[in-house]
Amino acid sequence: MKDRICEFECNIDDMTAEELAFAAERLMEEGARDVTLAPMEMKKGRPATLLTVMCANEEAEKERFIGLIFKYTTTIGIRELISERNILERVEKTLDTPYGPVRVKVVSGYGVKRSKIEYEDLARIAKAQDISIAEARKLVLELI
């Protein structure tokens, strides 16, 4: 399966780690498909961060994210790249377990099929049972 995605990139050299983390968190909460922060070196050896934000390739959504990136960061310019990507088909299932509902993502295509339990649900179980994430995953997998 293929789709087209918009990637926005900007180089930031004047925000703290906390400010960058907050910006990334807000952009994800606003519906970005993905947000990444990568260390980089700019001219004259200055450390900086490359912010990449992926969103739907729709004009209204692109304009909305441009505004959000300017709002939450100090950048004065944003590069726009349109990418075609190959993706697996995604389905989310919810399992009823003794530990409450557990969401599982199932992906398939290109001869591949795999599933993954949602982190937030594993973390909730781990906290409630006072166990590790790995132990919580094992508990849920035993029920499947």
N, C-alpha and C. Protein backbone atom coordinates (compact mmCIF):
# COMPACT_ATOMS: atom_id res chain seq x y z
N MET A 1 0.85 -1.17 0.00
CA MET A 1 0.00 0.00 0.00
C MET A 1 0.90 1.24 0.00
N LYS A 2 0.50 2.27 -0.73
CA LYS A 2 1.29 3.50 -0.80
C LYS A 2 0.43 4.68 -0.37
N ASP A 3 1.09 5.70 0.16
CA ASP A 3 0.43 6.97 0.39
C ASP A 3 1.46 8.08 0.26
N ARG A 4 0.97 9.31 0.25
CA ARG A 4 1.85 10.48 0.17
C ARG A 4 1.77 11.19 1.51
N ILE A 5 2.91 11.63 1.96
CA ILE A 5 3.02 12.26 3.27
C ILE A 5 3.81 13.57 3.11
N CYS A 6 3.52 14.53 3.96
CA CYS A 6 4.28 15.77 3.97
C CYS A 6 5.24 15.73 5.16
N GLU A 7 6.48 16.07 4.90
CA GLU A 7 7.48 16.17 5.96
C GLU A 7 7.95 17.61 6.04
N PHE A 8 7.87 18.17 7.23
CA PHE A 8 8.41 19.50 7.47
C PHE A 8 9.69 19.34 8.26
N GLU A 9 10.71 20.10 7.89
CA GLU A 9 12.00 20.06 8.59
C GLU A 9 12.45 21.48 8.91
N CYS A 10 13.09 21.62 10.05
CA CYS A 10 13.73 22.88 10.38
C CYS A 10 14.90 22.62 11.33
N ASN A 11 15.91 23.48 11.23
CA ASN A 11 17.09 23.40 12.08
C ASN A 11 16.90 24.40 13.22
N ILE A 12 17.07 23.94 14.44
CA ILE A 12 16.85 24.79 15.61
C ILE A 12 18.11 24.79 16.47
N ASP A 13 18.63 25.99 16.76
CA ASP A 13 19.86 26.07 17.56
C ASP A 13 19.71 26.97 18.78
N ASP A 14 18.47 27.35 19.10
CA ASP A 14 18.29 28.27 20.22
C ASP A 14 17.12 27.88 21.14
N MET A 15 16.87 26.58 21.27
CA MET A 15 15.86 26.09 22.21
C MET A 15 16.49 25.07 23.15
N THR A 16 16.01 25.03 24.39
CA THR A 16 16.51 24.05 25.35
C THR A 16 15.92 22.68 25.04
N ALA A 17 16.51 21.66 25.63
CA ALA A 17 16.01 20.30 25.45
C ALA A 17 14.56 20.19 25.94
N GLU A 18 14.26 20.84 27.04
CA GLU A 18 12.89 20.80 27.58
C GLU A 18 11.92 21.46 26.62
N GLU A 19 12.31 22.60 26.05
CA GLU A 19 11.44 23.30 25.10
C GLU A 19 11.21 22.46 23.84
N LEU A 20 12.24 21.81 23.36
CA LEU A 20 12.10 20.95 22.19
C LEU A 20 11.20 19.75 22.48
N ALA A 21 11.38 19.15 23.64
CA ALA A 21 10.54 18.00 24.03
C ALA A 21 9.08 18.41 24.11
N PHE A 22 8.83 19.58 24.69
CA PHE A 22 7.45 20.08 24.80
C PHE A 22 6.87 20.31 23.41
N ALA A 23 7.63 20.92 22.51
CA ALA A 23 7.16 21.17 21.15
C ALA A 23 6.81 19.86 20.46
N ALA A 24 7.69 18.86 20.57
CA ALA A 24 7.44 17.56 19.95
C ALA A 24 6.18 16.91 20.52
N GLU A 25 6.02 17.00 21.83
CA GLU A 25 4.84 16.42 22.49
C GLU A 25 3.57 17.11 22.00
N ARG A 26 3.58 18.43 21.94
CA ARG A 26 2.39 19.18 21.49
C ARG A 26 2.06 18.85 20.03
N LEU A 27 3.07 18.74 19.17
CA LEU A 27 2.83 18.43 17.77
C LEU A 27 2.22 17.04 17.62
N MET A 28 2.67 16.08 18.43
CA MET A 28 2.06 14.74 18.40
C MET A 28 0.62 14.80 18.89
N GLU A 29 0.37 15.55 19.96
CA GLU A 29 -0.99 15.70 20.48
C GLU A 29 -1.91 16.36 19.45
N GLU A 30 -1.35 17.20 18.60
CA GLU A 30 -2.13 17.88 17.56
C GLU A 30 -2.40 16.98 16.36
N GLY A 31 -1.84 15.77 16.37
CA GLY A 31 -2.15 14.81 15.31
C GLY A 31 -1.08 14.57 14.28
N ALA A 32 0.16 15.00 14.56
CA ALA A 32 1.25 14.68 13.64
C ALA A 32 1.36 13.17 13.50
N ARG A 33 1.69 12.72 12.31
CA ARG A 33 1.90 11.28 12.11
C ARG A 33 3.15 10.82 12.84
N ASP A 34 4.16 11.72 12.90
CA ASP A 34 5.39 11.42 13.63
C ASP A 34 6.16 12.73 13.82
N VAL A 35 6.92 12.78 14.88
CA VAL A 35 7.79 13.92 15.17
C VAL A 35 9.12 13.34 15.63
N THR A 36 10.22 13.79 15.03
CA THR A 36 11.53 13.34 15.47
C THR A 36 12.44 14.54 15.71
N LEU A 37 13.35 14.34 16.65
CA LEU A 37 14.37 15.33 16.98
C LEU A 37 15.71 14.64 16.84
N ALA A 38 16.60 15.21 16.03
CA ALA A 38 17.91 14.60 15.81
C ALA A 38 19.00 15.64 16.02
N PRO A 39 20.05 15.28 16.76
CA PRO A 39 21.15 16.24 16.95
C PRO A 39 21.89 16.45 15.64
N MET A 40 22.38 17.67 15.46
CA MET A 40 23.15 17.99 14.26
C MET A 40 24.14 19.09 14.58
N GLU A 41 25.05 19.33 13.65
CA GLU A 41 26.02 20.40 13.81
C GLU A 41 25.79 21.40 12.68
N MET A 42 25.69 22.67 13.05
CA MET A 42 25.49 23.73 12.06
C MET A 42 26.81 24.44 11.79
N LYS A 43 26.75 25.50 11.01
CA LYS A 43 27.97 26.23 10.66
C LYS A 43 28.67 26.71 11.92
N LYS A 44 29.96 26.84 11.80
CA LYS A 44 30.83 27.28 12.90
C LYS A 44 30.79 26.31 14.08
N GLY A 45 30.39 25.05 13.81
CA GLY A 45 30.40 24.02 14.85
C GLY A 45 29.31 24.12 15.90
N ARG A 46 28.29 24.95 15.64
CA ARG A 46 27.22 25.11 16.62
C ARG A 46 26.34 23.87 16.68
N PRO A 47 26.09 23.36 17.90
CA PRO A 47 25.15 22.24 18.03
C PRO A 47 23.73 22.72 17.77
N ALA A 48 22.94 21.86 17.17
CA ALA A 48 21.55 22.20 16.87
C ALA A 48 20.72 20.92 16.84
N THR A 49 19.44 21.09 16.57
CA THR A 49 18.52 19.97 16.49
C THR A 49 17.75 20.07 15.19
N LEU A 50 17.62 18.93 14.50
CA LEU A 50 16.78 18.85 13.31
C LEU A 50 15.42 18.35 13.76
N LEU A 51 14.40 19.18 13.59
CA LEU A 51 13.02 18.80 13.90
C LEU A 51 12.37 18.36 12.60
N THR A 52 11.78 17.15 12.60
CA THR A 52 11.04 16.65 11.45
C THR A 52 9.63 16.31 11.91
N VAL A 53 8.65 16.84 11.20
CA VAL A 53 7.24 16.61 11.53
C VAL A 53 6.56 16.04 10.29
N MET A 54 5.91 14.90 10.46
CA MET A 54 5.17 14.29 9.36
C MET A 54 3.68 14.52 9.57
N CYS A 55 2.99 14.92 8.49
CA CYS A 55 1.54 15.10 8.55
C CYS A 55 0.93 14.69 7.22
N ALA A 56 -0.39 14.67 7.18
CA ALA A 56 -1.09 14.33 5.95
C ALA A 56 -0.76 15.34 4.87
N ASN A 57 -0.72 14.88 3.64
CA ASN A 57 -0.40 15.74 2.50
C ASN A 57 -1.69 16.40 1.98
N GLU A 58 -2.32 17.17 2.85
CA GLU A 58 -3.55 17.91 2.51
C GLU A 58 -3.29 19.37 2.84
N GLU A 59 -3.70 20.27 1.97
CA GLU A 59 -3.36 21.69 2.14
C GLU A 59 -3.76 22.24 3.50
N ALA A 60 -4.98 21.96 3.96
CA ALA A 60 -5.44 22.51 5.25
C ALA A 60 -4.58 21.97 6.39
N GLU A 61 -4.25 20.70 6.33
CA GLU A 61 -3.44 20.09 7.39
C GLU A 61 -2.02 20.63 7.35
N LYS A 62 -1.47 20.80 6.17
CA LYS A 62 -0.12 21.34 6.04
C LYS A 62 -0.07 22.76 6.61
N GLU A 63 -1.03 23.59 6.26
CA GLU A 63 -1.06 24.97 6.78
C GLU A 63 -1.18 24.98 8.30
N ARG A 64 -2.01 24.08 8.83
CA ARG A 64 -2.19 23.99 10.28
C ARG A 64 -0.87 23.64 10.96
N PHE A 65 -0.14 22.67 10.42
CA PHE A 65 1.12 22.27 11.04
C PHE A 65 2.22 23.31 10.87
N ILE A 66 2.21 24.04 9.77
CA ILE A 66 3.17 25.14 9.63
C ILE A 66 2.95 26.13 10.76
N GLY A 67 1.70 26.49 11.01
CA GLY A 67 1.38 27.41 12.10
C GLY A 67 1.79 26.87 13.45
N LEU A 68 1.57 25.57 13.68
CA LEU A 68 1.92 24.96 14.96
C LEU A 68 3.44 24.91 15.17
N ILE A 69 4.18 24.61 14.10
CA ILE A 69 5.65 24.56 14.23
C ILE A 69 6.18 25.95 14.57
N PHE A 70 5.67 26.98 13.88
CA PHE A 70 6.09 28.34 14.22
C PHE A 70 5.67 28.72 15.64
N LYS A 71 4.52 28.24 16.08
CA LYS A 71 4.02 28.56 17.42
C LYS A 71 4.89 27.94 18.51
N TYR A 72 5.25 26.67 18.35
CA TYR A 72 5.93 25.94 19.42
C TYR A 72 7.45 25.94 19.34
N THR A 73 8.02 26.47 18.24
CA THR A 73 9.47 26.50 18.12
C THR A 73 9.94 27.91 17.80
N THR A 74 11.25 28.08 17.78
CA THR A 74 11.84 29.39 17.46
C THR A 74 12.29 29.47 16.00
N THR A 75 11.97 28.47 15.20
CA THR A 75 12.43 28.47 13.82
C THR A 75 11.89 29.67 13.05
N ILE A 76 12.64 30.11 12.06
CA ILE A 76 12.18 31.19 11.18
C ILE A 76 11.99 30.69 9.75
N GLY A 77 12.16 29.37 9.54
CA GLY A 77 11.95 28.79 8.22
C GLY A 77 11.70 27.30 8.31
N ILE A 78 10.81 26.82 7.46
CA ILE A 78 10.42 25.40 7.47
C ILE A 78 10.54 24.86 6.04
N ARG A 79 11.29 23.77 5.88
CA ARG A 79 11.38 23.10 4.57
C ARG A 79 10.21 22.11 4.45
N GLU A 80 9.64 22.01 3.26
CA GLU A 80 8.53 21.10 3.02
C GLU A 80 8.95 20.07 1.98
N LEU A 81 8.79 18.80 2.32
CA LEU A 81 9.12 17.71 1.41
C LEU A 81 7.89 16.82 1.28
N ILE A 82 7.56 16.44 0.07
CA ILE A 82 6.46 15.51 -0.14
C ILE A 82 7.08 14.16 -0.47
N SER A 83 6.71 13.16 0.28
CA SER A 83 7.29 11.83 0.11
C SER A 83 6.20 10.81 -0.18
N GLU A 84 6.55 9.87 -1.02
CA GLU A 84 5.69 8.72 -1.22
C GLU A 84 6.27 7.61 -0.36
N ARG A 85 5.42 6.94 0.38
CA ARG A 85 5.93 5.89 1.25
C ARG A 85 5.15 4.61 1.07
N ASN A 86 5.82 3.51 1.30
CA ASN A 86 5.19 2.19 1.29
C ASN A 86 4.84 1.87 2.72
N ILE A 87 3.58 1.53 2.95
CA ILE A 87 3.14 1.28 4.32
C ILE A 87 2.40 -0.05 4.41
N LEU A 88 2.40 -0.59 5.60
CA LEU A 88 1.62 -1.79 5.88
C LEU A 88 0.21 -1.37 6.27
N GLU A 89 -0.76 -2.21 5.97
CA GLU A 89 -2.14 -1.95 6.40
C GLU A 89 -2.20 -2.11 7.91
N ARG A 90 -2.91 -1.20 8.58
CA ARG A 90 -2.96 -1.19 10.05
C ARG A 90 -4.40 -1.36 10.53
N VAL A 91 -4.54 -2.23 11.53
CA VAL A 91 -5.83 -2.43 12.18
C VAL A 91 -5.57 -2.45 13.67
N GLU A 92 -6.43 -1.77 14.43
CA GLU A 92 -6.30 -1.81 15.89
C GLU A 92 -7.43 -2.64 16.46
N LYS A 93 -7.08 -3.60 17.30
CA LYS A 93 -8.06 -4.46 17.96
C LYS A 93 -7.98 -4.19 19.46
N THR A 94 -9.09 -4.36 20.14
CA THR A 94 -9.10 -4.22 21.60
C THR A 94 -9.48 -5.56 22.20
N LEU A 95 -8.61 -6.03 23.09
CA LEU A 95 -8.85 -7.30 23.77
C LEU A 95 -9.38 -7.02 25.17
N ASP A 96 -10.37 -7.78 25.59
CA ASP A 96 -10.84 -7.71 26.97
C ASP A 96 -9.99 -8.68 27.78
N THR A 97 -9.31 -8.17 28.80
CA THR A 97 -8.45 -9.01 29.64
C THR A 97 -8.82 -8.80 31.10
N PRO A 98 -8.36 -9.67 31.97
CA PRO A 98 -8.60 -9.45 33.41
C PRO A 98 -7.95 -8.16 33.92
N TYR A 99 -7.06 -7.59 33.11
CA TYR A 99 -6.35 -6.37 33.49
C TYR A 99 -6.97 -5.13 32.85
N GLY A 100 -8.11 -5.31 32.21
CA GLY A 100 -8.78 -4.22 31.51
C GLY A 100 -8.56 -4.34 30.02
N PRO A 101 -9.13 -3.41 29.25
CA PRO A 101 -8.97 -3.48 27.79
C PRO A 101 -7.53 -3.24 27.38
N VAL A 102 -7.10 -4.00 26.39
CA VAL A 102 -5.73 -3.87 25.88
C VAL A 102 -5.82 -3.73 24.36
N ARG A 103 -5.25 -2.64 23.85
CA ARG A 103 -5.24 -2.40 22.42
C ARG A 103 -4.03 -3.07 21.78
N VAL A 104 -4.26 -3.67 20.64
CA VAL A 104 -3.21 -4.36 19.88
C VAL A 104 -3.25 -3.85 18.44
N LYS A 105 -2.11 -3.39 17.94
CA LYS A 105 -2.00 -2.98 16.53
C LYS A 105 -1.58 -4.21 15.73
N VAL A 106 -2.31 -4.46 14.65
CA VAL A 106 -1.97 -5.56 13.75
C VAL A 106 -1.66 -4.93 12.39
N VAL A 107 -0.48 -5.23 11.86
CA VAL A 107 -0.08 -4.70 10.56
C VAL A 107 0.16 -5.87 9.60
N SER A 108 -0.14 -5.62 8.32
CA SER A 108 0.07 -6.68 7.33
C SER A 108 0.28 -6.08 5.95
N GLY A 109 0.89 -6.89 5.11
CA GLY A 109 1.16 -6.51 3.72
C GLY A 109 2.56 -6.93 3.33
N TYR A 110 2.81 -6.98 2.02
CA TYR A 110 4.12 -7.35 1.49
C TYR A 110 4.61 -8.68 2.08
N GLY A 111 3.69 -9.59 2.36
CA GLY A 111 4.06 -10.89 2.90
C GLY A 111 4.39 -10.89 4.38
N VAL A 112 4.06 -9.81 5.07
CA VAL A 112 4.38 -9.66 6.49
C VAL A 112 3.08 -9.51 7.29
N LYS A 113 3.05 -10.10 8.46
CA LYS A 113 1.94 -9.88 9.40
C LYS A 113 2.52 -9.95 10.80
N ARG A 114 2.28 -8.89 11.59
CA ARG A 114 2.75 -8.88 12.96
C ARG A 114 1.84 -7.99 13.80
N SER A 115 1.98 -8.15 15.11
CA SER A 115 1.15 -7.36 16.02
C SER A 115 2.00 -6.82 17.16
N LYS A 116 1.47 -5.75 17.77
CA LYS A 116 2.17 -5.13 18.88
C LYS A 116 1.15 -4.58 19.87
N ILE A 117 1.38 -4.87 21.14
CA ILE A 117 0.51 -4.36 22.20
C ILE A 117 0.86 -2.91 22.46
N GLU A 118 -0.16 -2.07 22.62
CA GLU A 118 0.06 -0.64 22.85
C GLU A 118 0.81 -0.40 24.16
N TYR A 119 1.83 0.45 24.06
CA TYR A 119 2.66 0.77 25.22
C TYR A 119 1.84 1.28 26.41
N GLU A 120 0.93 2.22 26.14
CA GLU A 120 0.16 2.83 27.24
C GLU A 120 -0.60 1.78 28.04
N ASP A 121 -1.15 0.78 27.35
CA ASP A 121 -1.89 -0.28 28.04
C ASP A 121 -0.94 -1.17 28.84
N LEU A 122 0.22 -1.48 28.27
CA LEU A 122 1.22 -2.26 29.02
C LEU A 122 1.70 -1.49 30.24
N ALA A 123 1.93 -0.19 30.09
CA ALA A 123 2.39 0.62 31.22
C ALA A 123 1.33 0.65 32.32
N ARG A 124 0.06 0.78 31.94
CA ARG A 124 -1.03 0.79 32.93
C ARG A 124 -1.05 -0.52 33.72
N ILE A 125 -0.92 -1.64 33.02
CA ILE A 125 -0.93 -2.95 33.67
C ILE A 125 0.30 -3.09 34.57
N ALA A 126 1.46 -2.70 34.07
CA ALA A 126 2.71 -2.82 34.83
C ALA A 126 2.62 -2.02 36.13
N LYS A 127 2.08 -0.81 36.06
CA LYS A 127 1.95 0.02 37.27
C LYS A 127 0.96 -0.61 38.25
N ALA A 128 -0.18 -1.05 37.73
CA ALA A 128 -1.22 -1.63 38.59
C ALA A 128 -0.75 -2.91 39.27
N GLN A 129 0.06 -3.70 38.57
CA GLN A 129 0.53 -4.99 39.10
C GLN A 129 1.89 -4.88 39.77
N ASP A 130 2.50 -3.68 39.70
CA ASP A 130 3.84 -3.44 40.24
C ASP A 130 4.86 -4.41 39.64
N ILE A 131 4.85 -4.46 38.29
CA ILE A 131 5.76 -5.34 37.55
C ILE A 131 6.39 -4.53 36.42
N SER A 132 7.33 -5.13 35.72
CA SER A 132 7.98 -4.47 34.59
C SER A 132 7.09 -4.52 33.34
N ILE A 133 7.45 -3.70 32.36
CA ILE A 133 6.74 -3.73 31.07
C ILE A 133 6.87 -5.11 30.43
N ALA A 134 8.05 -5.69 30.49
CA ALA A 134 8.26 -7.02 29.90
C ALA A 134 7.36 -8.05 30.55
N GLU A 135 7.21 -7.97 31.87
CA GLU A 135 6.33 -8.92 32.57
C GLU A 135 4.87 -8.68 32.20
N ALA A 136 4.48 -7.43 32.06
CA ALA A 136 3.11 -7.11 31.65
C ALA A 136 2.83 -7.65 30.25
N ARG A 137 3.79 -7.48 29.34
CA ARG A 137 3.65 -8.00 27.98
C ARG A 137 3.46 -9.51 28.03
N LYS A 138 4.25 -10.18 28.85
CA LYS A 138 4.15 -11.64 28.97
C LYS A 138 2.77 -12.05 29.47
N LEU A 139 2.24 -11.33 30.47
CA LEU A 139 0.90 -11.62 30.99
C LEU A 139 -0.15 -11.54 29.89
N VAL A 140 -0.09 -10.49 29.09
CA VAL A 140 -1.07 -10.29 28.03
C VAL A 140 -0.89 -11.34 26.93
N LEU A 141 0.34 -11.61 26.54
CA LEU A 141 0.58 -12.59 25.49
C LEU A 141 0.08 -13.98 25.89
N GLU A 142 0.15 -14.30 27.16
CA GLU A 142 -0.34 -15.60 27.63
C GLU A 142 -1.86 -15.71 27.46
N LEU A 143 -2.56 -14.57 27.39
CA LEU A 143 -4.01 -14.55 27.24
C LEU A 143 -4.45 -14.63 25.79
N ILE A 144 -3.53 -14.32 24.89
CA ILE A 144 -3.88 -14.29 23.46
C ILE A 144 -3.86 -15.68 22.87
